[in-house]
Amino acid sequence: MPGSDAAPWNAATMRLSLIRHPRPDIAPGTCYGRLDVPAQRPALEALVRGCLALGPPGAAFTSPLARCRDVARALCEHGWPAALPEARIAELDFGDWEGRRWDEIGRQSVSAWAADLVALAPPNGETVGALARRALTFVEQLLADPAFGADARVTLFTHAGVIQTLPRMLRGEPLSGFASTRVDYATLTELRIGPREGDAGRRTIEVLAFNQPLATGD
């Protein structure tokens, strides 16, 4: 079944749509990642309208956090497949910083972490490297699953951290500089992922859309 530890299956391509959640209902300047913040209602409704214009995928998965989950549930009411919850595409865990204002956390602490986002974690939190690896593991399992046929269309309702890092991980590229990749709220990044090729077993990754606004009438 999708997401299982199936043997590698590389005969087909996959069209993977990464949809970032709408603007969350939280005070500006607040640190949130794993914090379960709902989306602003008008922004959620606008994103749902934009997604409906895309047409339903063959399968969908969602971060378990409400700002993603509620979009997936609303689309399910309009004929989209029920999205399965998947913790590996949740946002970065900021640990002790979750729910605190960035200015309260302090410039010195944030700067120390920002010196190496990939390898360093907030107190009791998660590194970006760990986030990237868990998301890649999940997508590789999808790609290895024979339940998905040729040119399968799969949608993930997810977060900026996953969208910034996943294409690099799929290409086998370093994560350094990932933070410069802009991913706005309620946007689509779409990849066509090819089979493994050559001695190195690298996948071909074609970017079909990047940071494309989806919300309509927002």
N, C-alpha and C. Protein backbone atom coordinates (compact mmCIF):
# COMPACT_ATOMS: atom_id res chain seq x y z
N MET A 1 0.85 -1.19 0.00
CA MET A 1 0.00 0.00 0.00
C MET A 1 0.88 1.24 0.00
N PRO A 2 0.34 2.44 -0.37
CA PRO A 2 1.16 3.64 -0.41
C PRO A 2 1.85 3.90 0.91
N GLY A 3 3.15 4.24 0.82
CA GLY A 3 3.90 4.55 2.01
C GLY A 3 4.50 3.34 2.68
N SER A 4 4.29 2.12 2.14
CA SER A 4 4.84 0.93 2.77
C SER A 4 6.28 0.74 2.36
N ASP A 5 6.98 -0.19 3.02
CA ASP A 5 8.37 -0.46 2.72
C ASP A 5 8.47 -1.47 1.58
N ALA A 6 7.98 -1.08 0.42
CA ALA A 6 8.02 -1.97 -0.73
C ALA A 6 9.41 -1.98 -1.33
N ALA A 7 9.68 -3.02 -2.14
CA ALA A 7 10.95 -3.09 -2.84
C ALA A 7 11.01 -1.98 -3.89
N PRO A 8 12.21 -1.49 -4.25
CA PRO A 8 12.31 -0.41 -5.22
C PRO A 8 11.61 -0.77 -6.53
N TRP A 9 10.87 0.19 -7.05
CA TRP A 9 10.14 0.02 -8.30
C TRP A 9 10.30 1.31 -9.06
N ASN A 10 11.04 1.30 -10.16
CA ASN A 10 11.49 2.53 -10.79
C ASN A 10 11.09 2.62 -12.25
N ALA A 11 10.02 1.94 -12.65
CA ALA A 11 9.69 1.89 -14.06
C ALA A 11 8.94 3.11 -14.55
N ALA A 12 8.37 3.91 -13.66
CA ALA A 12 7.49 4.99 -14.08
C ALA A 12 7.88 6.30 -13.43
N THR A 13 7.30 7.36 -13.95
CA THR A 13 7.50 8.67 -13.35
C THR A 13 6.33 8.98 -12.42
N MET A 14 6.53 9.97 -11.56
CA MET A 14 5.48 10.43 -10.67
C MET A 14 5.39 11.94 -10.77
N ARG A 15 4.18 12.44 -10.82
CA ARG A 15 3.94 13.88 -10.80
C ARG A 15 3.53 14.23 -9.38
N LEU A 16 4.43 14.91 -8.68
CA LEU A 16 4.25 15.17 -7.25
C LEU A 16 3.95 16.65 -7.04
N SER A 17 2.77 16.92 -6.50
CA SER A 17 2.35 18.29 -6.22
C SER A 17 2.53 18.58 -4.73
N LEU A 18 3.31 19.60 -4.43
CA LEU A 18 3.56 20.03 -3.04
C LEU A 18 2.80 21.33 -2.81
N ILE A 19 1.79 21.27 -1.97
CA ILE A 19 0.95 22.43 -1.72
C ILE A 19 1.20 22.93 -0.30
N ARG A 20 1.64 24.19 -0.22
CA ARG A 20 1.85 24.77 1.11
C ARG A 20 0.52 25.27 1.66
N HIS A 21 0.38 25.13 2.95
CA HIS A 21 -0.85 25.52 3.65
C HIS A 21 -1.13 27.02 3.54
N PRO A 22 -2.36 27.45 3.85
CA PRO A 22 -2.69 28.88 3.86
C PRO A 22 -2.03 29.58 5.05
N ARG A 23 -2.19 30.89 5.06
CA ARG A 23 -1.65 31.70 6.17
C ARG A 23 -2.27 31.23 7.49
N PRO A 24 -1.44 30.98 8.50
CA PRO A 24 -1.97 30.48 9.77
C PRO A 24 -2.58 31.60 10.62
N ASP A 25 -3.47 31.22 11.50
CA ASP A 25 -4.14 32.17 12.39
C ASP A 25 -3.31 32.30 13.67
N ILE A 26 -2.25 33.08 13.59
CA ILE A 26 -1.33 33.25 14.71
C ILE A 26 -0.73 34.64 14.62
N ALA A 27 -0.38 35.21 15.77
CA ALA A 27 0.16 36.56 15.79
C ALA A 27 1.47 36.64 15.01
N PRO A 28 1.66 37.67 14.20
CA PRO A 28 2.93 37.84 13.48
C PRO A 28 4.10 37.87 14.46
N GLY A 29 5.22 37.31 14.01
CA GLY A 29 6.41 37.30 14.84
C GLY A 29 6.49 36.14 15.80
N THR A 30 5.55 35.19 15.71
CA THR A 30 5.54 34.03 16.59
C THR A 30 6.23 32.86 15.91
N CYS A 31 7.03 32.13 16.66
CA CYS A 31 7.68 30.93 16.14
C CYS A 31 6.68 29.78 16.15
N TYR A 32 6.48 29.18 15.01
CA TYR A 32 5.61 28.01 14.94
C TYR A 32 6.15 27.05 13.88
N GLY A 33 6.11 25.80 14.20
CA GLY A 33 6.50 24.76 13.27
C GLY A 33 5.58 23.58 13.51
N ARG A 34 5.93 22.78 14.51
CA ARG A 34 5.08 21.65 14.90
C ARG A 34 3.86 22.11 15.69
N LEU A 35 3.86 23.35 16.14
CA LEU A 35 2.69 23.91 16.84
C LEU A 35 1.48 23.78 15.93
N ASP A 36 0.38 23.26 16.46
CA ASP A 36 -0.79 22.99 15.63
C ASP A 36 -1.68 24.22 15.54
N VAL A 37 -1.32 25.09 14.60
CA VAL A 37 -2.01 26.35 14.40
C VAL A 37 -2.99 26.20 13.23
N PRO A 38 -4.25 26.57 13.40
CA PRO A 38 -5.18 26.47 12.26
C PRO A 38 -4.90 27.56 11.23
N ALA A 39 -5.42 27.36 10.05
CA ALA A 39 -5.31 28.38 9.00
C ALA A 39 -6.37 29.45 9.19
N GLN A 40 -6.07 30.65 8.71
CA GLN A 40 -7.10 31.69 8.67
C GLN A 40 -8.22 31.22 7.74
N ARG A 41 -9.45 31.34 8.18
CA ARG A 41 -10.56 30.76 7.42
C ARG A 41 -10.68 31.30 6.00
N PRO A 42 -10.65 32.61 5.78
CA PRO A 42 -10.76 33.09 4.39
C PRO A 42 -9.62 32.58 3.51
N ALA A 43 -8.41 32.48 4.09
CA ALA A 43 -7.27 31.99 3.31
C ALA A 43 -7.44 30.52 2.97
N LEU A 44 -7.99 29.75 3.90
CA LEU A 44 -8.24 28.33 3.64
C LEU A 44 -9.24 28.17 2.50
N GLU A 45 -10.32 28.93 2.56
CA GLU A 45 -11.36 28.80 1.53
C GLU A 45 -10.82 29.21 0.16
N ALA A 46 -9.97 30.23 0.13
CA ALA A 46 -9.39 30.67 -1.14
C ALA A 46 -8.47 29.60 -1.72
N LEU A 47 -7.70 28.94 -0.86
CA LEU A 47 -6.81 27.88 -1.35
C LEU A 47 -7.61 26.68 -1.86
N VAL A 48 -8.67 26.34 -1.18
CA VAL A 48 -9.52 25.23 -1.63
C VAL A 48 -10.05 25.52 -3.04
N ARG A 49 -10.51 26.73 -3.28
CA ARG A 49 -11.00 27.08 -4.62
C ARG A 49 -9.90 26.93 -5.66
N GLY A 50 -8.70 27.36 -5.32
CA GLY A 50 -7.59 27.24 -6.25
C GLY A 50 -7.22 25.80 -6.54
N CYS A 51 -7.25 24.96 -5.51
CA CYS A 51 -6.94 23.54 -5.71
C CYS A 51 -7.98 22.85 -6.58
N LEU A 52 -9.24 23.22 -6.40
CA LEU A 52 -10.30 22.60 -7.20
C LEU A 52 -10.08 22.84 -8.69
N ALA A 53 -9.50 23.97 -9.04
CA ALA A 53 -9.22 24.26 -10.45
C ALA A 53 -8.15 23.34 -11.02
N LEU A 54 -7.33 22.74 -10.17
CA LEU A 54 -6.28 21.82 -10.63
C LEU A 54 -6.82 20.46 -11.02
N GLY A 55 -7.94 20.09 -10.44
CA GLY A 55 -8.45 18.74 -10.62
C GLY A 55 -7.85 17.80 -9.59
N PRO A 56 -8.56 16.73 -9.23
CA PRO A 56 -8.10 15.84 -8.17
C PRO A 56 -6.92 14.98 -8.62
N PRO A 57 -6.01 14.67 -7.70
CA PRO A 57 -4.92 13.74 -7.99
C PRO A 57 -5.39 12.30 -7.81
N GLY A 58 -4.49 11.37 -8.09
CA GLY A 58 -4.82 9.97 -7.85
C GLY A 58 -4.76 9.60 -6.39
N ALA A 59 -3.91 10.29 -5.63
CA ALA A 59 -3.74 10.03 -4.20
C ALA A 59 -3.27 11.30 -3.53
N ALA A 60 -3.56 11.42 -2.24
CA ALA A 60 -3.16 12.61 -1.50
C ALA A 60 -2.73 12.22 -0.09
N PHE A 61 -1.78 12.98 0.44
CA PHE A 61 -1.29 12.80 1.80
C PHE A 61 -1.18 14.18 2.43
N THR A 62 -1.37 14.24 3.73
CA THR A 62 -1.33 15.52 4.40
C THR A 62 -0.51 15.48 5.69
N SER A 63 0.17 16.56 5.95
CA SER A 63 0.71 16.77 7.28
C SER A 63 -0.43 16.66 8.28
N PRO A 64 -0.19 16.10 9.45
CA PRO A 64 -1.27 15.98 10.43
C PRO A 64 -1.67 17.30 11.07
N LEU A 65 -0.94 18.38 10.79
CA LEU A 65 -1.24 19.67 11.40
C LEU A 65 -2.46 20.31 10.74
N ALA A 66 -3.27 21.00 11.56
CA ALA A 66 -4.59 21.47 11.12
C ALA A 66 -4.51 22.39 9.90
N ARG A 67 -3.48 23.20 9.79
CA ARG A 67 -3.41 24.15 8.68
C ARG A 67 -3.25 23.46 7.33
N CYS A 68 -2.80 22.21 7.33
CA CYS A 68 -2.77 21.39 6.12
C CYS A 68 -3.97 20.45 6.07
N ARG A 69 -4.22 19.80 7.18
CA ARG A 69 -5.27 18.78 7.26
C ARG A 69 -6.64 19.33 6.88
N ASP A 70 -6.93 20.57 7.31
CA ASP A 70 -8.25 21.13 7.05
C ASP A 70 -8.45 21.44 5.56
N VAL A 71 -7.39 21.78 4.85
CA VAL A 71 -7.48 21.97 3.40
C VAL A 71 -7.83 20.65 2.74
N ALA A 72 -7.11 19.60 3.12
CA ALA A 72 -7.35 18.29 2.53
C ALA A 72 -8.77 17.80 2.81
N ARG A 73 -9.26 18.03 4.01
CA ARG A 73 -10.62 17.60 4.36
C ARG A 73 -11.66 18.35 3.54
N ALA A 74 -11.45 19.65 3.37
CA ALA A 74 -12.39 20.44 2.58
C ALA A 74 -12.43 19.97 1.13
N LEU A 75 -11.28 19.64 0.57
CA LEU A 75 -11.22 19.16 -0.81
C LEU A 75 -11.88 17.80 -0.95
N CYS A 76 -11.77 16.98 0.07
CA CYS A 76 -12.40 15.67 0.05
C CYS A 76 -13.91 15.80 -0.10
N GLU A 77 -14.47 16.86 0.44
CA GLU A 77 -15.92 17.11 0.32
C GLU A 77 -16.31 17.49 -1.10
N HIS A 78 -15.31 17.82 -1.93
CA HIS A 78 -15.56 18.21 -3.32
C HIS A 78 -15.03 17.16 -4.30
N GLY A 79 -14.89 15.93 -3.85
CA GLY A 79 -14.53 14.85 -4.76
C GLY A 79 -13.07 14.48 -4.83
N TRP A 80 -12.21 15.16 -4.07
CA TRP A 80 -10.80 14.76 -4.04
C TRP A 80 -10.65 13.51 -3.18
N PRO A 81 -9.60 12.73 -3.43
CA PRO A 81 -9.40 11.54 -2.59
C PRO A 81 -9.10 11.94 -1.15
N ALA A 82 -9.54 11.12 -0.21
CA ALA A 82 -9.24 11.38 1.20
C ALA A 82 -7.72 11.35 1.38
N ALA A 83 -7.19 12.39 1.99
CA ALA A 83 -5.74 12.48 2.19
C ALA A 83 -5.35 11.71 3.45
N LEU A 84 -4.37 10.85 3.32
CA LEU A 84 -3.88 10.09 4.47
C LEU A 84 -2.91 10.95 5.27
N PRO A 85 -3.02 10.96 6.60
CA PRO A 85 -2.08 11.74 7.41
C PRO A 85 -0.70 11.12 7.38
N GLU A 86 0.32 11.97 7.30
CA GLU A 86 1.70 11.49 7.24
C GLU A 86 2.60 12.45 8.02
N ALA A 87 3.08 11.97 9.17
CA ALA A 87 3.89 12.82 10.07
C ALA A 87 5.21 13.23 9.45
N ARG A 88 5.70 12.46 8.48
CA ARG A 88 7.01 12.77 7.90
C ARG A 88 7.00 13.99 7.00
N ILE A 89 5.81 14.53 6.69
CA ILE A 89 5.76 15.77 5.91
C ILE A 89 5.26 16.94 6.75
N ALA A 90 5.34 16.79 8.08
CA ALA A 90 5.03 17.90 8.99
C ALA A 90 6.18 18.90 8.98
N GLU A 91 5.94 20.07 9.54
CA GLU A 91 6.94 21.14 9.58
C GLU A 91 8.01 20.84 10.63
N LEU A 92 9.07 21.61 10.58
CA LEU A 92 10.17 21.49 11.53
C LEU A 92 9.67 21.63 12.97
N ASP A 93 10.22 20.84 13.85
CA ASP A 93 9.92 20.95 15.27
C ASP A 93 10.90 21.94 15.90
N PHE A 94 10.39 23.08 16.34
CA PHE A 94 11.23 24.11 16.95
C PHE A 94 11.42 23.90 18.46
N GLY A 95 10.94 22.80 18.98
CA GLY A 95 11.19 22.47 20.38
C GLY A 95 10.69 23.52 21.35
N ASP A 96 11.59 23.98 22.22
CA ASP A 96 11.22 24.92 23.27
C ASP A 96 10.83 26.29 22.74
N TRP A 97 11.11 26.54 21.47
CA TRP A 97 10.77 27.84 20.89
C TRP A 97 9.34 27.91 20.37
N GLU A 98 8.69 26.78 20.24
CA GLU A 98 7.34 26.77 19.68
C GLU A 98 6.40 27.68 20.48
N GLY A 99 5.68 28.54 19.74
CA GLY A 99 4.69 29.41 20.35
C GLY A 99 5.25 30.67 20.99
N ARG A 100 6.57 30.83 20.99
CA ARG A 100 7.19 32.03 21.58
C ARG A 100 7.46 33.06 20.48
N ARG A 101 7.52 34.31 20.86
CA ARG A 101 7.86 35.36 19.90
C ARG A 101 9.35 35.28 19.58
N TRP A 102 9.70 35.52 18.32
CA TRP A 102 11.10 35.47 17.93
C TRP A 102 11.93 36.49 18.71
N ASP A 103 11.36 37.68 18.97
CA ASP A 103 12.14 38.68 19.71
C ASP A 103 12.32 38.29 21.18
N GLU A 104 11.43 37.45 21.69
CA GLU A 104 11.57 36.93 23.05
C GLU A 104 12.67 35.85 23.10
N ILE A 105 12.73 35.06 22.05
CA ILE A 105 13.78 34.02 21.98
C ILE A 105 15.16 34.67 21.98
N GLY A 106 15.27 35.78 21.28
CA GLY A 106 16.51 36.55 21.32
C GLY A 106 17.40 36.35 20.10
N ARG A 107 18.01 37.45 19.68
CA ARG A 107 18.84 37.43 18.48
C ARG A 107 20.04 36.50 18.63
N GLN A 108 20.64 36.47 19.81
CA GLN A 108 21.84 35.65 20.00
C GLN A 108 21.52 34.16 19.81
N SER A 109 20.42 33.71 20.39
CA SER A 109 20.05 32.30 20.26
C SER A 109 19.70 31.95 18.82
N VAL A 110 18.94 32.82 18.17
CA VAL A 110 18.53 32.57 16.79
C VAL A 110 19.74 32.58 15.86
N SER A 111 20.65 33.52 16.07
CA SER A 111 21.84 33.62 15.22
C SER A 111 22.73 32.39 15.37
N ALA A 112 22.84 31.88 16.59
CA ALA A 112 23.65 30.67 16.81
C ALA A 112 23.07 29.49 16.06
N TRP A 113 21.76 29.37 16.07
CA TRP A 113 21.09 28.29 15.33
C TRP A 113 21.23 28.50 13.82
N ALA A 114 21.05 29.74 13.38
CA ALA A 114 21.08 30.04 11.95
C ALA A 114 22.47 29.85 11.34
N ALA A 115 23.50 29.76 12.17
CA ALA A 115 24.85 29.55 11.65
C ALA A 115 24.97 28.21 10.93
N ASP A 116 24.13 27.23 11.29
CA ASP A 116 24.12 25.94 10.60
C ASP A 116 22.76 25.30 10.79
N LEU A 117 21.78 25.77 10.02
CA LEU A 117 20.40 25.29 10.16
C LEU A 117 20.27 23.79 9.90
N VAL A 118 21.12 23.29 9.01
CA VAL A 118 21.00 21.89 8.61
C VAL A 118 21.38 20.95 9.75
N ALA A 119 22.40 21.33 10.52
CA ALA A 119 22.95 20.42 11.54
C ALA A 119 22.59 20.78 12.97
N LEU A 120 22.17 22.02 13.20
CA LEU A 120 21.85 22.46 14.56
C LEU A 120 20.34 22.52 14.77
N ALA A 121 19.91 22.28 15.99
CA ALA A 121 18.49 22.27 16.32
C ALA A 121 18.20 23.28 17.42
N PRO A 122 17.01 23.88 17.42
CA PRO A 122 16.58 24.65 18.60
C PRO A 122 16.55 23.73 19.81
N PRO A 123 16.58 24.27 21.02
CA PRO A 123 16.54 23.42 22.22
C PRO A 123 15.37 22.44 22.19
N ASN A 124 15.68 21.16 22.31
CA ASN A 124 14.68 20.09 22.29
C ASN A 124 13.89 20.02 20.97
N GLY A 125 14.49 20.58 19.92
CA GLY A 125 13.84 20.58 18.62
C GLY A 125 14.53 19.68 17.62
N GLU A 126 14.39 20.00 16.37
CA GLU A 126 14.81 19.13 15.26
C GLU A 126 15.70 19.91 14.31
N THR A 127 16.66 19.25 13.71
CA THR A 127 17.48 19.90 12.69
C THR A 127 16.76 19.87 11.35
N VAL A 128 17.12 20.81 10.47
CA VAL A 128 16.58 20.79 9.12
C VAL A 128 17.01 19.53 8.39
N GLY A 129 18.22 19.07 8.68
CA GLY A 129 18.68 17.82 8.07
C GLY A 129 17.78 16.65 8.40
N ALA A 130 17.31 16.58 9.65
CA ALA A 130 16.41 15.50 10.06
C ALA A 130 15.07 15.62 9.35
N LEU A 131 14.54 16.85 9.24
CA LEU A 131 13.30 17.08 8.50
C LEU A 131 13.44 16.60 7.06
N ALA A 132 14.54 16.99 6.42
CA ALA A 132 14.74 16.65 5.01
C ALA A 132 14.84 15.14 4.81
N ARG A 133 15.50 14.46 5.73
CA ARG A 133 15.66 13.02 5.59
C ARG A 133 14.33 12.29 5.76
N ARG A 134 13.52 12.73 6.72
CA ARG A 134 12.24 12.02 6.93
C ARG A 134 11.31 12.24 5.75
N ALA A 135 11.29 13.46 5.19
CA ALA A 135 10.44 13.71 4.03
C ALA A 135 10.91 12.91 2.82
N LEU A 136 12.21 12.84 2.61
CA LEU A 136 12.75 12.06 1.50
C LEU A 136 12.42 10.58 1.66
N THR A 137 12.55 10.05 2.87
CA THR A 137 12.24 8.65 3.11
C THR A 137 10.80 8.34 2.72
N PHE A 138 9.89 9.23 3.08
CA PHE A 138 8.48 9.03 2.73
C PHE A 138 8.28 9.03 1.22
N VAL A 139 8.82 10.01 0.52
CA VAL A 139 8.62 10.11 -0.93
C VAL A 139 9.29 8.94 -1.65
N GLU A 140 10.45 8.53 -1.18
CA GLU A 140 11.09 7.37 -1.80
C GLU A 140 10.24 6.11 -1.64
N GLN A 141 9.54 5.99 -0.53
CA GLN A 141 8.64 4.85 -0.34
C GLN A 141 7.46 4.92 -1.30
N LEU A 142 6.96 6.13 -1.56
CA LEU A 142 5.90 6.28 -2.55
C LEU A 142 6.40 5.86 -3.93
N LEU A 143 7.60 6.32 -4.27
CA LEU A 143 8.15 6.01 -5.58
C LEU A 143 8.42 4.52 -5.77
N ALA A 144 8.66 3.83 -4.66
CA ALA A 144 8.95 2.40 -4.71
C ALA A 144 7.70 1.53 -4.68
N ASP A 145 6.54 2.16 -4.53
CA ASP A 145 5.30 1.41 -4.32
C ASP A 145 4.62 1.08 -5.64
N PRO A 146 4.47 -0.20 -5.98
CA PRO A 146 3.82 -0.57 -7.25
C PRO A 146 2.34 -0.24 -7.30
N ALA A 147 1.75 0.21 -6.19
CA ALA A 147 0.35 0.63 -6.22
C ALA A 147 0.17 1.87 -7.08
N PHE A 148 1.24 2.62 -7.30
CA PHE A 148 1.19 3.79 -8.15
C PHE A 148 1.67 3.41 -9.55
N GLY A 149 0.81 3.61 -10.53
CA GLY A 149 1.15 3.26 -11.90
C GLY A 149 1.97 4.35 -12.58
N ALA A 150 2.14 4.18 -13.89
CA ALA A 150 2.92 5.14 -14.68
C ALA A 150 2.30 6.53 -14.59
N ASP A 151 3.16 7.51 -14.39
CA ASP A 151 2.74 8.91 -14.33
C ASP A 151 1.67 9.16 -13.26
N ALA A 152 1.81 8.51 -12.13
CA ALA A 152 0.88 8.72 -11.02
C ALA A 152 0.90 10.17 -10.57
N ARG A 153 -0.26 10.69 -10.22
CA ARG A 153 -0.37 12.06 -9.70
C ARG A 153 -0.65 11.98 -8.20
N VAL A 154 0.26 12.53 -7.43
CA VAL A 154 0.17 12.48 -5.97
C VAL A 154 0.31 13.90 -5.43
N THR A 155 -0.52 14.26 -4.48
CA THR A 155 -0.47 15.58 -3.86
C THR A 155 -0.11 15.46 -2.39
N LEU A 156 0.80 16.32 -1.94
CA LEU A 156 1.15 16.43 -0.53
C LEU A 156 0.75 17.81 -0.03
N PHE A 157 -0.03 17.86 1.04
CA PHE A 157 -0.35 19.12 1.71
C PHE A 157 0.68 19.27 2.83
N THR A 158 1.55 20.25 2.69
CA THR A 158 2.72 20.26 3.56
C THR A 158 3.17 21.69 3.88
N HIS A 159 4.44 21.85 4.18
CA HIS A 159 4.96 23.07 4.77
C HIS A 159 6.21 23.56 4.03
N ALA A 160 6.61 24.79 4.34
CA ALA A 160 7.73 25.40 3.64
C ALA A 160 9.01 24.58 3.78
N GLY A 161 9.29 24.10 4.99
CA GLY A 161 10.54 23.36 5.20
C GLY A 161 10.66 22.14 4.32
N VAL A 162 9.56 21.41 4.15
CA VAL A 162 9.56 20.23 3.30
C VAL A 162 9.75 20.63 1.84
N ILE A 163 9.03 21.67 1.41
CA ILE A 163 9.09 22.08 0.01
C ILE A 163 10.46 22.66 -0.34
N GLN A 164 11.08 23.35 0.59
CA GLN A 164 12.41 23.91 0.35
C GLN A 164 13.49 22.83 0.20
N THR A 165 13.34 21.74 0.93
CA THR A 165 14.43 20.76 0.99
C THR A 165 14.22 19.54 0.11
N LEU A 166 12.98 19.14 -0.15
CA LEU A 166 12.73 17.88 -0.83
C LEU A 166 13.34 17.82 -2.24
N PRO A 167 13.16 18.85 -3.09
CA PRO A 167 13.77 18.75 -4.42
C PRO A 167 15.29 18.57 -4.37
N ARG A 168 15.96 19.22 -3.44
CA ARG A 168 17.41 19.07 -3.30
C ARG A 168 17.76 17.64 -2.88
N MET A 169 16.99 17.10 -1.96
CA MET A 169 17.27 15.75 -1.49
C MET A 169 17.05 14.73 -2.61
N LEU A 170 16.01 14.91 -3.40
CA LEU A 170 15.74 13.99 -4.49
C LEU A 170 16.85 14.02 -5.54
N ARG A 171 17.46 15.19 -5.71
CA ARG A 171 18.56 15.32 -6.69
C ARG A 171 19.90 14.91 -6.10
N GLY A 172 19.94 14.66 -4.79
CA GLY A 172 21.20 14.36 -4.15
C GLY A 172 22.09 15.58 -3.98
N GLU A 173 21.48 16.76 -3.90
CA GLU A 173 22.23 18.01 -3.76
C GLU A 173 22.37 18.38 -2.28
N PRO A 174 23.40 19.15 -1.93
CA PRO A 174 23.52 19.60 -0.53
C PRO A 174 22.39 20.54 -0.16
N LEU A 175 22.09 20.58 1.13
CA LEU A 175 21.01 21.44 1.61
C LEU A 175 21.44 22.88 1.85
N SER A 176 22.73 23.13 1.81
CA SER A 176 23.21 24.49 2.07
C SER A 176 22.54 25.46 1.11
N GLY A 177 22.06 26.58 1.65
CA GLY A 177 21.37 27.58 0.85
C GLY A 177 19.88 27.32 0.66
N PHE A 178 19.36 26.25 1.26
CA PHE A 178 17.94 25.93 1.06
C PHE A 178 17.03 27.07 1.50
N ALA A 179 17.44 27.81 2.54
CA ALA A 179 16.57 28.84 3.12
C ALA A 179 16.31 30.00 2.17
N SER A 180 17.13 30.12 1.13
CA SER A 180 16.91 31.20 0.16
C SER A 180 15.80 30.86 -0.83
N THR A 181 15.31 29.63 -0.79
CA THR A 181 14.22 29.20 -1.66
C THR A 181 12.91 29.73 -1.09
N ARG A 182 12.29 30.64 -1.82
CA ARG A 182 11.06 31.26 -1.32
C ARG A 182 9.86 30.34 -1.58
N VAL A 183 9.09 30.10 -0.54
CA VAL A 183 7.87 29.30 -0.66
C VAL A 183 6.77 30.06 0.09
N ASP A 184 5.87 30.66 -0.63
CA ASP A 184 4.81 31.46 -0.02
C ASP A 184 3.65 30.58 0.44
N TYR A 185 2.79 31.17 1.25
CA TYR A 185 1.58 30.47 1.66
C TYR A 185 0.71 30.17 0.43
N ALA A 186 -0.02 29.06 0.50
CA ALA A 186 -1.03 28.73 -0.51
C ALA A 186 -0.45 28.69 -1.92
N THR A 187 0.69 28.02 -2.05
CA THR A 187 1.32 27.91 -3.36
C THR A 187 1.54 26.45 -3.74
N LEU A 188 1.75 26.26 -5.05
CA LEU A 188 2.01 24.94 -5.61
C LEU A 188 3.44 24.86 -6.13
N THR A 189 4.15 23.85 -5.72
CA THR A 189 5.40 23.46 -6.36
C THR A 189 5.20 22.05 -6.88
N GLU A 190 5.41 21.84 -8.16
CA GLU A 190 5.10 20.56 -8.77
C GLU A 190 6.35 19.98 -9.44
N LEU A 191 6.59 18.71 -9.18
CA LEU A 191 7.77 18.02 -9.70
C LEU A 191 7.34 16.81 -10.52
N ARG A 192 8.04 16.57 -11.61
CA ARG A 192 7.93 15.29 -12.30
C ARG A 192 9.20 14.51 -11.97
N ILE A 193 9.03 13.41 -11.28
CA ILE A 193 10.16 12.63 -10.78
C ILE A 193 10.32 11.39 -11.65
N GLY A 194 11.48 11.25 -12.25
CA GLY A 194 11.72 10.13 -13.13
C GLY A 194 12.35 8.95 -12.41
N PRO A 195 12.53 7.84 -13.12
CA PRO A 195 13.14 6.65 -12.53
C PRO A 195 14.63 6.85 -12.29
N ARG A 196 15.22 6.00 -11.50
CA ARG A 196 16.66 6.04 -11.28
C ARG A 196 17.38 5.65 -12.57
N GLU A 197 18.46 6.36 -12.85
CA GLU A 197 19.20 6.10 -14.08
C GLU A 197 20.69 6.10 -13.81
N GLY A 198 21.43 5.33 -14.61
CA GLY A 198 22.88 5.34 -14.55
C GLY A 198 23.43 4.61 -13.34
N ASP A 199 24.76 4.56 -13.29
CA ASP A 199 25.43 3.85 -12.21
C ASP A 199 25.17 4.49 -10.85
N ALA A 200 25.02 5.82 -10.83
CA ALA A 200 24.79 6.53 -9.57
C ALA A 200 23.36 6.39 -9.09
N GLY A 201 22.46 5.96 -9.96
CA GLY A 201 21.07 5.79 -9.56
C GLY A 201 20.36 7.09 -9.26
N ARG A 202 20.78 8.17 -9.92
CA ARG A 202 20.14 9.47 -9.69
C ARG A 202 18.80 9.55 -10.42
N ARG A 203 17.87 10.24 -9.83
CA ARG A 203 16.58 10.47 -10.47
C ARG A 203 16.61 11.77 -11.27
N THR A 204 15.86 11.79 -12.36
CA THR A 204 15.67 13.04 -13.08
C THR A 204 14.49 13.77 -12.43
N ILE A 205 14.70 15.06 -12.14
CA ILE A 205 13.67 15.87 -11.48
C ILE A 205 13.38 17.07 -12.38
N GLU A 206 12.15 17.16 -12.84
CA GLU A 206 11.73 18.29 -13.66
C GLU A 206 10.75 19.14 -12.83
N VAL A 207 11.03 20.43 -12.73
CA VAL A 207 10.15 21.33 -12.00
C VAL A 207 9.08 21.85 -12.95
N LEU A 208 7.85 21.46 -12.73
CA LEU A 208 6.74 21.87 -13.59
C LEU A 208 6.11 23.18 -13.12
N ALA A 209 6.19 23.44 -11.83
CA ALA A 209 5.67 24.69 -11.26
C ALA A 209 6.46 24.96 -10.00
N PHE A 210 6.71 26.24 -9.72
CA PHE A 210 7.45 26.59 -8.52
C PHE A 210 6.82 27.81 -7.87
N ASN A 211 6.41 27.65 -6.61
CA ASN A 211 5.84 28.75 -5.82
C ASN A 211 4.71 29.45 -6.57
N GLN A 212 3.88 28.66 -7.23
CA GLN A 212 2.78 29.19 -8.02
C GLN A 212 1.58 29.48 -7.11
N PRO A 213 1.10 30.72 -7.07
CA PRO A 213 -0.06 31.04 -6.21
C PRO A 213 -1.29 30.25 -6.63
N LEU A 214 -2.00 29.73 -5.64
CA LEU A 214 -3.20 28.95 -5.90
C LEU A 214 -4.46 29.63 -5.39
N ALA A 215 -4.34 30.41 -4.34
CA ALA A 215 -5.52 31.00 -3.71
C ALA A 215 -6.24 31.94 -4.67
N THR A 216 -7.55 31.81 -4.73
CA THR A 216 -8.35 32.69 -5.58
C THR A 216 -9.37 33.42 -4.73
N GLY A 217 -9.52 34.70 -4.99
CA GLY A 217 -10.49 35.50 -4.26
C GLY A 217 -10.14 35.71 -2.81
N ASP A 218 -8.82 35.62 -2.49
CA ASP A 218 -8.37 35.75 -1.10
C ASP A 218 -8.38 37.21 -0.70
